[in-house]
Amino acid sequence: ESWLTSCDIGDLNQDSLPDIYLAGYLSGVDVFDRVCRNNDGAPELCFPTLFPGAADDLLLNDGFGSFVNVSDRLPDSVAEGKGLGVLVFDHELVLK
């Protein structure tokens, strides 16, 4: 399972349709229900360092009311990367 923390909607492939980019945070079979304990045995929040990072997802609009997951086209994510935010911008407009 993956815990995704943020998304952004923008025309990422320049086809005039909105696409979705999702930032991956943590992953693991127990990422949502693991109970961590302090030295006294009392439950406490689990630190993010106890989980591997989750890969990001890219969903491209197919123009027919659905999205196609093309995450395999993304560059390899850093295995320990834990995304918390996404920013989409047109670098050509920014550099002018």
PDB file of N, CA and C in Angstrom:
ATOM      1  N   GLU A   1       0.838  -1.182   0.000  1.00  0.00           N
ATOM      2  CA  GLU A   1       0.000   0.000   0.000  1.00  0.00           C
ATOM      3  C   GLU A   1       0.877   1.237   0.000  1.00  0.00           C
ATOM      4  N   SER A   2       0.345   2.312  -0.527  1.00  0.00           N
ATOM      5  CA  SER A   2       1.083   3.576  -0.573  1.00  0.00           C
ATOM      6  C   SER A   2       0.261   4.696   0.042  1.00  0.00           C
ATOM      7  N   TRP A   3       0.961   5.574   0.725  1.00  0.00           N
ATOM      8  CA  TRP A   3       0.359   6.765   1.307  1.00  0.00           C
ATOM      9  C   TRP A   3       0.790   7.926   0.420  1.00  0.00           C
ATOM     10  N   LEU A   4      -0.172   8.524  -0.273  1.00  0.00           N
ATOM     11  CA  LEU A   4       0.086   9.672  -1.132  1.00  0.00           C
ATOM     12  C   LEU A   4      -0.346  10.927  -0.392  1.00  0.00           C
ATOM     13  N   THR A   5       0.455  11.965  -0.441  1.00  0.00           N
ATOM     14  CA  THR A   5       0.186  13.134   0.394  1.00  0.00           C
ATOM     15  C   THR A   5      -0.306  14.364  -0.345  1.00  0.00           C
ATOM     16  N   SER A   6      -0.015  14.457  -1.614  1.00  0.00           N
ATOM     17  CA  SER A   6      -0.331  15.691  -2.317  1.00  0.00           C
ATOM     18  C   SER A   6      -0.552  15.387  -3.792  1.00  0.00           C
ATOM     19  N   CYS A   7      -1.314  16.252  -4.444  1.00  0.00           N
ATOM     20  CA  CYS A   7      -1.489  16.096  -5.884  1.00  0.00           C
ATOM     21  C   CYS A   7      -1.571  17.468  -6.517  1.00  0.00           C
ATOM     22  N   ASP A   8      -1.348  17.481  -7.805  1.00  0.00           N
ATOM     23  CA  ASP A   8      -1.491  18.708  -8.564  1.00  0.00           C
ATOM     24  C   ASP A   8      -2.125  18.367  -9.901  1.00  0.00           C
ATOM     25  N   ILE A   9      -2.926  19.265 -10.390  1.00  0.00           N
ATOM     26  CA  ILE A   9      -3.600  19.063 -11.666  1.00  0.00           C
ATOM     27  C   ILE A   9      -3.087  20.122 -12.631  1.00  0.00           C
ATOM     28  N   GLY A  10      -2.634  19.672 -13.782  1.00  0.00           N
ATOM     29  CA  GLY A  10      -2.133  20.578 -14.803  1.00  0.00           C
ATOM     30  C   GLY A  10      -1.982  19.827 -16.112  1.00  0.00           C
ATOM     31  N   ASP A  11      -1.816  20.554 -17.168  1.00  0.00           N
ATOM     32  CA  ASP A  11      -1.624  19.942 -18.480  1.00  0.00           C
ATOM     33  C   ASP A  11      -0.151  19.564 -18.611  1.00  0.00           C
ATOM     34  N   LEU A  12       0.192  18.392 -18.161  1.00  0.00           N
ATOM     35  CA  LEU A  12       1.590  17.981 -18.076  1.00  0.00           C
ATOM     36  C   LEU A  12       2.174  17.502 -19.395  1.00  0.00           C
ATOM     37  N   ASN A  13       1.343  17.105 -20.335  1.00  0.00           N
ATOM     38  CA  ASN A  13       1.858  16.645 -21.635  1.00  0.00           C
ATOM     39  C   ASN A  13       1.440  17.565 -22.789  1.00  0.00           C
ATOM     40  N   GLN A  14       0.960  18.739 -22.464  1.00  0.00           N
ATOM     41  CA  GLN A  14       0.617  19.798 -23.415  1.00  0.00           C
ATOM     42  C   GLN A  14      -0.383  19.352 -24.487  1.00  0.00           C
ATOM     43  N   ASP A  15      -1.435  18.624 -24.040  1.00  0.00           N
ATOM     44  CA  ASP A  15      -2.504  18.238 -24.971  1.00  0.00           C
ATOM     45  C   ASP A  15      -3.804  18.980 -24.670  1.00  0.00           C
ATOM     46  N   SER A  16      -3.728  20.010 -23.828  1.00  0.00           N
ATOM     47  CA  SER A  16      -4.870  20.854 -23.429  1.00  0.00           C
ATOM     48  C   SER A  16      -5.874  20.126 -22.539  1.00  0.00           C
ATOM     49  N   LEU A  17      -5.466  19.022 -21.920  1.00  0.00           N
ATOM     50  CA  LEU A  17      -6.322  18.279 -20.985  1.00  0.00           C
ATOM     51  C   LEU A  17      -5.644  18.236 -19.623  1.00  0.00           C
ATOM     52  N   PRO A  18      -6.414  18.302 -18.535  1.00  0.00           N
ATOM     53  CA  PRO A  18      -5.807  18.267 -17.208  1.00  0.00           C
ATOM     54  C   PRO A  18      -5.323  16.862 -16.846  1.00  0.00           C
ATOM     55  N   ASP A  19      -4.084  16.781 -16.371  1.00  0.00           N
ATOM     56  CA  ASP A  19      -3.476  15.540 -15.913  1.00  0.00           C
ATOM     57  C   ASP A  19      -3.261  15.640 -14.402  1.00  0.00           C
ATOM     58  N   ILE A  20      -2.949  14.526 -13.766  1.00  0.00           N
ATOM     59  CA  ILE A  20      -2.793  14.497 -12.310  1.00  0.00           C
ATOM     60  C   ILE A  20      -1.432  13.918 -11.948  1.00  0.00           C
ATOM     61  N   TYR A  21      -0.718  14.609 -11.071  1.00  0.00           N
ATOM     62  CA  TYR A  21       0.544  14.109 -10.521  1.00  0.00           C
ATOM     63  C   TYR A  21       0.344  13.931  -9.019  1.00  0.00           C
ATOM     64  N   LEU A  22       0.684  12.753  -8.506  1.00  0.00           N
ATOM     65  CA  LEU A  22       0.493  12.433  -7.093  1.00  0.00           C
ATOM     66  C   LEU A  22       1.844  12.204  -6.425  1.00  0.00           C
ATOM     67  N   ALA A  23       2.077  12.853  -5.305  1.00  0.00           N
ATOM     68  CA  ALA A  23       3.331  12.699  -4.571  1.00  0.00           C
ATOM     69  C   ALA A  23       3.228  11.521  -3.613  1.00  0.00           C
ATOM     70  N   GLY A  24       4.147  10.564  -3.763  1.00  0.00           N
ATOM     71  CA  GLY A  24       4.204   9.422  -2.856  1.00  0.00           C
ATOM     72  C   GLY A  24       4.954   9.777  -1.586  1.00  0.00           C
ATOM     73  N   TYR A  25       4.467   9.280  -0.468  1.00  0.00           N
ATOM     74  CA  TYR A  25       5.091   9.571   0.822  1.00  0.00           C
ATOM     75  C   TYR A  25       5.680   8.307   1.423  1.00  0.00           C
ATOM     76  N   LEU A  26       4.829   7.429   1.954  1.00  0.00           N
ATOM     77  CA  LEU A  26       5.297   6.206   2.614  1.00  0.00           C
ATOM     78  C   LEU A  26       4.635   4.989   1.990  1.00  0.00           C
ATOM     79  N   SER A  27       5.264   3.830   2.140  1.00  0.00           N
ATOM     80  CA  SER A  27       4.671   2.597   1.639  1.00  0.00           C
ATOM     81  C   SER A  27       4.902   1.462   2.634  1.00  0.00           C
ATOM     82  N   GLY A  28       4.197   0.382   2.430  1.00  0.00           N
ATOM     83  CA  GLY A  28       4.325  -0.802   3.276  1.00  0.00           C
ATOM     84  C   GLY A  28       2.968  -1.414   3.540  1.00  0.00           C
ATOM     85  N   VAL A  29       2.952  -2.704   3.814  1.00  0.00           N
ATOM     86  CA  VAL A  29       1.672  -3.392   4.024  1.00  0.00           C
ATOM     87  C   VAL A  29       0.937  -2.873   5.258  1.00  0.00           C
ATOM     88  N   ASP A  30       1.663  -2.311   6.211  1.00  0.00           N
ATOM     89  CA  ASP A  30       1.031  -1.821   7.438  1.00  0.00           C
ATOM     90  C   ASP A  30       1.176  -0.311   7.614  1.00  0.00           C
ATOM     91  N   VAL A  31       1.359   0.403   6.517  1.00  0.00           N
ATOM     92  CA  VAL A  31       1.610   1.837   6.604  1.00  0.00           C
ATOM     93  C   VAL A  31       0.460   2.598   7.267  1.00  0.00           C
ATOM     94  N   PHE A  32      -0.763   2.072   7.184  1.00  0.00           N
ATOM     95  CA  PHE A  32      -1.919   2.765   7.760  1.00  0.00           C
ATOM     96  C   PHE A  32      -2.336   2.237   9.124  1.00  0.00           C
ATOM     97  N   ASP A  33      -1.825   1.081   9.520  1.00  0.00           N
ATOM     98  CA  ASP A  33      -2.326   0.521  10.786  1.00  0.00           C
ATOM     99  C   ASP A  33      -1.235   0.008  11.730  1.00  0.00           C
ATOM    100  N   ARG A  34       0.030   0.267  11.437  1.00  0.00           N
ATOM    101  CA  ARG A  34       1.094  -0.156  12.355  1.00  0.00           C
ATOM    102  C   ARG A  34       0.969   0.616  13.666  1.00  0.00           C
ATOM    103  N   VAL A  35       1.121  -0.077  14.773  1.00  0.00           N
ATOM    104  CA  VAL A  35       1.113   0.550  16.087  1.00  0.00           C
ATOM    105  C   VAL A  35       2.535   0.511  16.626  1.00  0.00           C
ATOM    106  N   CYS A  36       3.107   1.673  16.829  1.00  0.00           N
ATOM    107  CA  CYS A  36       4.440   1.768  17.409  1.00  0.00           C
ATOM    108  C   CYS A  36       4.290   2.028  18.903  1.00  0.00           C
ATOM    109  N   ARG A  37       5.308   1.649  19.639  1.00  0.00           N
ATOM    110  CA  ARG A  37       5.244   1.785  21.098  1.00  0.00           C
ATOM    111  C   ARG A  37       6.507   2.459  21.608  1.00  0.00           C
ATOM    112  N   ASN A  38       6.340   3.247  22.675  1.00  0.00           N
ATOM    113  CA  ASN A  38       7.500   3.878  23.295  1.00  0.00           C
ATOM    114  C   ASN A  38       8.150   2.895  24.268  1.00  0.00           C
ATOM    115  N   ASN A  39       9.141   3.345  24.999  1.00  0.00           N
ATOM    116  CA  ASN A  39       9.880   2.463  25.923  1.00  0.00           C
ATOM    117  C   ASN A  39       9.002   1.889  27.018  1.00  0.00           C
ATOM    118  N   ASP A  40       7.916   2.577  27.376  1.00  0.00           N
ATOM    119  CA  ASP A  40       6.998   2.102  28.414  1.00  0.00           C
ATOM    120  C   ASP A  40       5.955   1.139  27.854  1.00  0.00           C
ATOM    121  N   GLY A  41       5.948   0.942  26.534  1.00  0.00           N
ATOM    122  CA  GLY A  41       4.964   0.068  25.910  1.00  0.00           C
ATOM    123  C   GLY A  41       3.682   0.775  25.512  1.00  0.00           C
ATOM    124  N   ALA A  42       3.602   2.066  25.792  1.00  0.00           N
ATOM    125  CA  ALA A  42       2.412   2.830  25.415  1.00  0.00           C
ATOM    126  C   ALA A  42       2.453   3.134  23.919  1.00  0.00           C
ATOM    127  N   PRO A  43       1.287   3.139  23.258  1.00  0.00           N
ATOM    128  CA  PRO A  43       1.279   3.452  21.822  1.00  0.00           C
ATOM    129  C   PRO A  43       1.713   4.886  21.559  1.00  0.00           C
ATOM    130  N   GLU A  44       2.420   5.069  20.450  1.00  0.00           N
ATOM    131  CA  GLU A  44       2.838   6.393  20.020  1.00  0.00           C
ATOM    132  C   GLU A  44       2.856   6.422  18.496  1.00  0.00           C
ATOM    133  N   LEU A  45       2.980   7.615  17.957  1.00  0.00           N
ATOM    134  CA  LEU A  45       3.037   7.761  16.503  1.00  0.00           C
ATOM    135  C   LEU A  45       4.291   7.088  15.961  1.00  0.00           C
ATOM    136  N   CYS A  46       4.158   6.450  14.814  1.00  0.00           N
ATOM    137  CA  CYS A  46       5.311   5.854  14.140  1.00  0.00           C
ATOM    138  C   CYS A  46       6.028   6.930  13.338  1.00  0.00           C
ATOM    139  N   PHE A  47       7.336   6.945  13.403  1.00  0.00           N
ATOM    140  CA  PHE A  47       8.125   7.915  12.654  1.00  0.00           C
ATOM    141  C   PHE A  47       8.199   7.504  11.190  1.00  0.00           C
ATOM    142  N   PRO A  48       8.216   8.462  10.271  1.00  0.00           N
ATOM    143  CA  PRO A  48       8.304   8.142   8.844  1.00  0.00           C
ATOM    144  C   PRO A  48       9.556   7.340   8.485  1.00  0.00           C
ATOM    145  N   THR A  49      10.602   7.456   9.300  1.00  0.00           N
ATOM    146  CA  THR A  49      11.839   6.720   9.015  1.00  0.00           C
ATOM    147  C   THR A  49      11.655   5.205   9.138  1.00  0.00           C
ATOM    148  N   LEU A  50      10.554   4.767   9.729  1.00  0.00           N
ATOM    149  CA  LEU A  50      10.292   3.335   9.889  1.00  0.00           C
ATOM    150  C   LEU A  50       9.673   2.701   8.646  1.00  0.00           C
ATOM    151  N   PHE A  51       9.368   3.517   7.631  1.00  0.00           N
ATOM    152  CA  PHE A  51       8.709   3.029   6.421  1.00  0.00           C
ATOM    153  C   PHE A  51       9.539   3.406   5.195  1.00  0.00           C
ATOM    154  N   PRO A  52       9.498   2.593   4.160  1.00  0.00           N
ATOM    155  CA  PRO A  52      10.140   2.995   2.909  1.00  0.00           C
ATOM    156  C   PRO A  52       9.322   4.089   2.216  1.00  0.00           C
ATOM    157  N   GLY A  53       9.977   4.818   1.350  1.00  0.00           N
ATOM    158  CA  GLY A  53       9.293   5.848   0.576  1.00  0.00           C
ATOM    159  C   GLY A  53       8.362   5.222  -0.450  1.00  0.00           C
ATOM    160  N   ALA A  54       7.368   5.984  -0.879  1.00  0.00           N
ATOM    161  CA  ALA A  54       6.415   5.532  -1.900  1.00  0.00           C
ATOM    162  C   ALA A  54       6.715   6.251  -3.211  1.00  0.00           C
ATOM    163  N   ALA A  55       6.540   5.550  -4.302  1.00  0.00           N
ATOM    164  CA  ALA A  55       6.770   6.139  -5.620  1.00  0.00           C
ATOM    165  C   ALA A  55       5.669   7.143  -5.958  1.00  0.00           C
ATOM    166  N   ASP A  56       6.012   8.119  -6.783  1.00  0.00           N
ATOM    167  CA  ASP A  56       5.028   9.076  -7.279  1.00  0.00           C
ATOM    168  C   ASP A  56       4.206   8.425  -8.392  1.00  0.00           C
ATOM    169  N   ASP A  57       3.030   8.985  -8.660  1.00  0.00           N
ATOM    170  CA  ASP A  57       2.161   8.491  -9.731  1.00  0.00           C
ATOM    171  C   ASP A  57       1.850   9.624 -10.695  1.00  0.00           C
ATOM    172  N   LEU A  58       1.770   9.284 -11.985  1.00  0.00           N
ATOM    173  CA  LEU A  58       1.394  10.230 -13.020  1.00  0.00           C
ATOM    174  C   LEU A  58       0.215   9.650 -13.790  1.00  0.00           C
ATOM    175  N   LEU A  59      -0.900  10.384 -13.787  1.00  0.00           N
ATOM    176  CA  LEU A  59      -2.109   9.962 -14.476  1.00  0.00           C
ATOM    177  C   LEU A  59      -2.398  10.951 -15.596  1.00  0.00           C
ATOM    178  N   LEU A  60      -2.359  10.463 -16.840  1.00  0.00           N
ATOM    179  CA  LEU A  60      -2.626  11.328 -17.989  1.00  0.00           C
ATOM    180  C   LEU A  60      -4.067  11.180 -18.434  1.00  0.00           C
ATOM    181  N   ASN A  61      -4.684  12.306 -18.728  1.00  0.00           N
ATOM    182  CA  ASN A  61      -6.066  12.351 -19.189  1.00  0.00           C
ATOM    183  C   ASN A  61      -6.127  11.725 -20.582  1.00  0.00           C
ATOM    184  N   ASP A  62      -7.048  10.765 -20.765  1.00  0.00           N
ATOM    185  CA  ASP A  62      -7.155  10.113 -22.076  1.00  0.00           C
ATOM    186  C   ASP A  62      -8.123  10.832 -23.016  1.00  0.00           C
ATOM    187  N   GLY A  63      -8.759  11.903 -22.544  1.00  0.00           N
ATOM    188  CA  GLY A  63      -9.673  12.664 -23.382  1.00  0.00           C
ATOM    189  C   GLY A  63     -11.065  12.076 -23.480  1.00  0.00           C
ATOM    190  N   PHE A  64     -11.293  10.963 -22.806  1.00  0.00           N
ATOM    191  CA  PHE A  64     -12.593  10.289 -22.847  1.00  0.00           C
ATOM    192  C   PHE A  64     -13.193  10.120 -21.458  1.00  0.00           C
ATOM    193  N   GLY A  65     -12.768  10.946 -20.514  1.00  0.00           N
ATOM    194  CA  GLY A  65     -13.325  10.910 -19.166  1.00  0.00           C
ATOM    195  C   GLY A  65     -12.582  10.000 -18.201  1.00  0.00           C
ATOM    196  N   SER A  66     -11.427   9.503 -18.583  1.00  0.00           N
ATOM    197  CA  SER A  66     -10.633   8.632 -17.714  1.00  0.00           C
ATOM    198  C   SER A  66      -9.174   9.080 -17.732  1.00  0.00           C
ATOM    199  N   PHE A  67      -8.399   8.489 -16.851  1.00  0.00           N
ATOM    200  CA  PHE A  67      -6.970   8.756 -16.770  1.00  0.00           C
ATOM    201  C   PHE A  67      -6.210   7.450 -16.951  1.00  0.00           C
ATOM    202  N   VAL A  68      -5.036   7.558 -17.546  1.00  0.00           N
ATOM    203  CA  VAL A  68      -4.176   6.400 -17.768  1.00  0.00           C
ATOM    204  C   VAL A  68      -2.951   6.560 -16.880  1.00  0.00           C
ATOM    205  N   ASN A  69      -2.668   5.532 -16.078  1.00  0.00           N
ATOM    206  CA  ASN A  69      -1.509   5.569 -15.204  1.00  0.00           C
ATOM    207  C   ASN A  69      -0.258   5.296 -16.040  1.00  0.00           C
ATOM    208  N   VAL A  70       0.590   6.315 -16.155  1.00  0.00           N
ATOM    209  CA  VAL A  70       1.834   6.185 -16.915  1.00  0.00           C
ATOM    210  C   VAL A  70       3.039   6.403 -15.996  1.00  0.00           C
ATOM    211  N   SER A  71       2.904   6.000 -14.752  1.00  0.00           N
ATOM    212  CA  SER A  71       3.964   6.189 -13.764  1.00  0.00           C
ATOM    213  C   SER A  71       5.259   5.504 -14.176  1.00  0.00           C
ATOM    214  N   ASP A  72       5.153   4.459 -14.986  1.00  0.00           N
ATOM    215  CA  ASP A  72       6.357   3.760 -15.430  1.00  0.00           C
ATOM    216  C   ASP A  72       7.207   4.634 -16.359  1.00  0.00           C
ATOM    217  N   ARG A  73       6.667   5.734 -16.848  1.00  0.00           N
ATOM    218  CA  ARG A  73       7.420   6.664 -17.696  1.00  0.00           C
ATOM    219  C   ARG A  73       8.217   7.675 -16.887  1.00  0.00           C
ATOM    220  N   LEU A  74       7.948   7.761 -15.586  1.00  0.00           N
ATOM    221  CA  LEU A  74       8.660   8.710 -14.735  1.00  0.00           C
ATOM    222  C   LEU A  74      10.088   8.236 -14.523  1.00  0.00           C
ATOM    223  N   PRO A  75      11.019   9.178 -14.357  1.00  0.00           N
ATOM    224  CA  PRO A  75      12.380   8.758 -13.996  1.00  0.00           C
ATOM    225  C   PRO A  75      12.328   7.996 -12.678  1.00  0.00           C
ATOM    226  N   ASP A  76      13.268   7.103 -12.482  1.00  0.00           N
ATOM    227  CA  ASP A  76      13.300   6.345 -11.231  1.00  0.00           C
ATOM    228  C   ASP A  76      13.312   7.298 -10.050  1.00  0.00           C
ATOM    229  N   SER A  77      12.390   7.062  -9.123  1.00  0.00           N
ATOM    230  CA  SER A  77      12.321   7.881  -7.916  1.00  0.00           C
ATOM    231  C   SER A  77      13.441   7.463  -6.969  1.00  0.00           C
ATOM    232  N   VAL A  78      13.845   8.386  -6.151  1.00  0.00           N
ATOM    233  CA  VAL A  78      14.794   8.061  -5.099  1.00  0.00           C
ATOM    234  C   VAL A  78      14.084   7.130  -4.129  1.00  0.00           C
ATOM    235  N   ALA A  79      14.670   5.973  -3.863  1.00  0.00           N
ATOM    236  CA  ALA A  79      14.015   4.956  -3.042  1.00  0.00           C
ATOM    237  C   ALA A  79      13.609   5.489  -1.672  1.00  0.00           C
ATOM    238  N   GLU A  80      14.400   6.357  -1.108  1.00  0.00           N
ATOM    239  CA  GLU A  80      14.076   6.870   0.224  1.00  0.00           C
ATOM    240  C   GLU A  80      13.343   8.210   0.163  1.00  0.00           C
ATOM    241  N   GLY A  81      12.967   8.642  -1.034  1.00  0.00           N
ATOM    242  CA  GLY A  81      12.240   9.901  -1.167  1.00  0.00           C
ATOM    243  C   GLY A  81      10.856   9.798  -0.554  1.00  0.00           C
ATOM    244  N   LYS A  82      10.464  10.798   0.148  1.00  0.00           N
ATOM    245  CA  LYS A  82       9.155  10.833   0.810  1.00  0.00           C
ATOM    246  C   LYS A  82       8.531  12.187   0.520  1.00  0.00           C
ATOM    247  N   GLY A  83       7.761  12.229  -0.583  1.00  0.00           N
ATOM    248  CA  GLY A  83       7.203  13.493  -1.057  1.00  0.00           C
ATOM    249  C   GLY A  83       6.075  14.012  -0.184  1.00  0.00           C
ATOM    250  N   LEU A  84       6.071  15.306   0.005  1.00  0.00           N
ATOM    251  CA  LEU A  84       5.005  15.957   0.764  1.00  0.00           C
ATOM    252  C   LEU A  84       4.276  17.015  -0.051  1.00  0.00           C
ATOM    253  N   GLY A  85       4.809  17.371  -1.203  1.00  0.00           N
ATOM    254  CA  GLY A  85       4.171  18.411  -1.997  1.00  0.00           C
ATOM    255  C   GLY A  85       4.509  18.285  -3.462  1.00  0.00           C
ATOM    256  N   VAL A  86       3.734  18.982  -4.281  1.00  0.00           N
ATOM    257  CA  VAL A  86       3.918  18.983  -5.727  1.00  0.00           C
ATOM    258  C   VAL A  86       3.780  20.415  -6.213  1.00  0.00           C
ATOM    259  N   LEU A  87       4.589  20.777  -7.184  1.00  0.00           N
ATOM    260  CA  LEU A  87       4.507  22.093  -7.801  1.00  0.00           C
ATOM    261  C   LEU A  87       4.540  21.908  -9.312  1.00  0.00           C
ATOM    262  N   VAL A  88       3.567  22.468 -10.006  1.00  0.00           N
ATOM    263  CA  VAL A  88       3.524  22.413 -11.467  1.00  0.00           C
ATOM    264  C   VAL A  88       3.620  23.834 -11.982  1.00  0.00           C
ATOM    265  N   PHE A  89       4.511  24.037 -12.940  1.00  0.00           N
ATOM    266  CA  PHE A  89       4.641  25.355 -13.547  1.00  0.00           C
ATOM    267  C   PHE A  89       5.183  25.197 -14.962  1.00  0.00           C
ATOM    268  N   ASP A  90       5.030  26.215 -15.757  1.00  0.00           N
ATOM    269  CA  ASP A  90       5.550  26.229 -17.116  1.00  0.00           C
ATOM    270  C   ASP A  90       6.905  26.927 -17.075  1.00  0.00           C
ATOM    271  N   HIS A  91       7.965  26.159 -17.173  1.00  0.00           N
ATOM    272  CA  HIS A  91       9.305  26.735 -17.051  1.00  0.00           C
ATOM    273  C   HIS A  91       9.612  27.745 -18.173  1.00  0.00           C
ATOM    274  N   GLU A  92       8.985  27.593 -19.326  1.00  0.00           N
ATOM    275  CA  GLU A  92       9.215  28.548 -20.411  1.00  0.00           C
ATOM    276  C   GLU A  92       8.643  29.915 -20.061  1.00  0.00           C
ATOM    277  N   LEU A  93       7.500  29.950 -19.392  1.00  0.00           N
ATOM    278  CA  LEU A  93       6.934  31.240 -18.973  1.00  0.00           C
ATOM    279  C   LEU A  93       7.763  31.868 -17.875  1.00  0.00           C
ATOM    280  N   VAL A  94       8.296  31.047 -16.982  1.00  0.00           N
ATOM    281  CA  VAL A  94       9.080  31.564 -15.855  1.00  0.00           C
ATOM    282  C   VAL A  94      10.393  32.149 -16.337  1.00  0.00           C
ATOM    283  N   LEU A  95      10.999  31.543 -17.347  1.00  0.00           N
ATOM    284  CA  LEU A  95      12.314  31.980 -17.810  1.00  0.00           C
ATOM    285  C   LEU A  95      12.270  33.169 -18.756  1.00  0.00           C
ATOM    286  N   LYS A  96      11.107  33.598 -19.196  1.00  0.00           N
ATOM    287  CA  LYS A  96      11.013  34.731 -20.132  1.00  0.00           C
ATOM    288  C   LYS A  96      11.141  36.050 -19.427  1.00  0.00           C
TER     289      LYS A  96
END
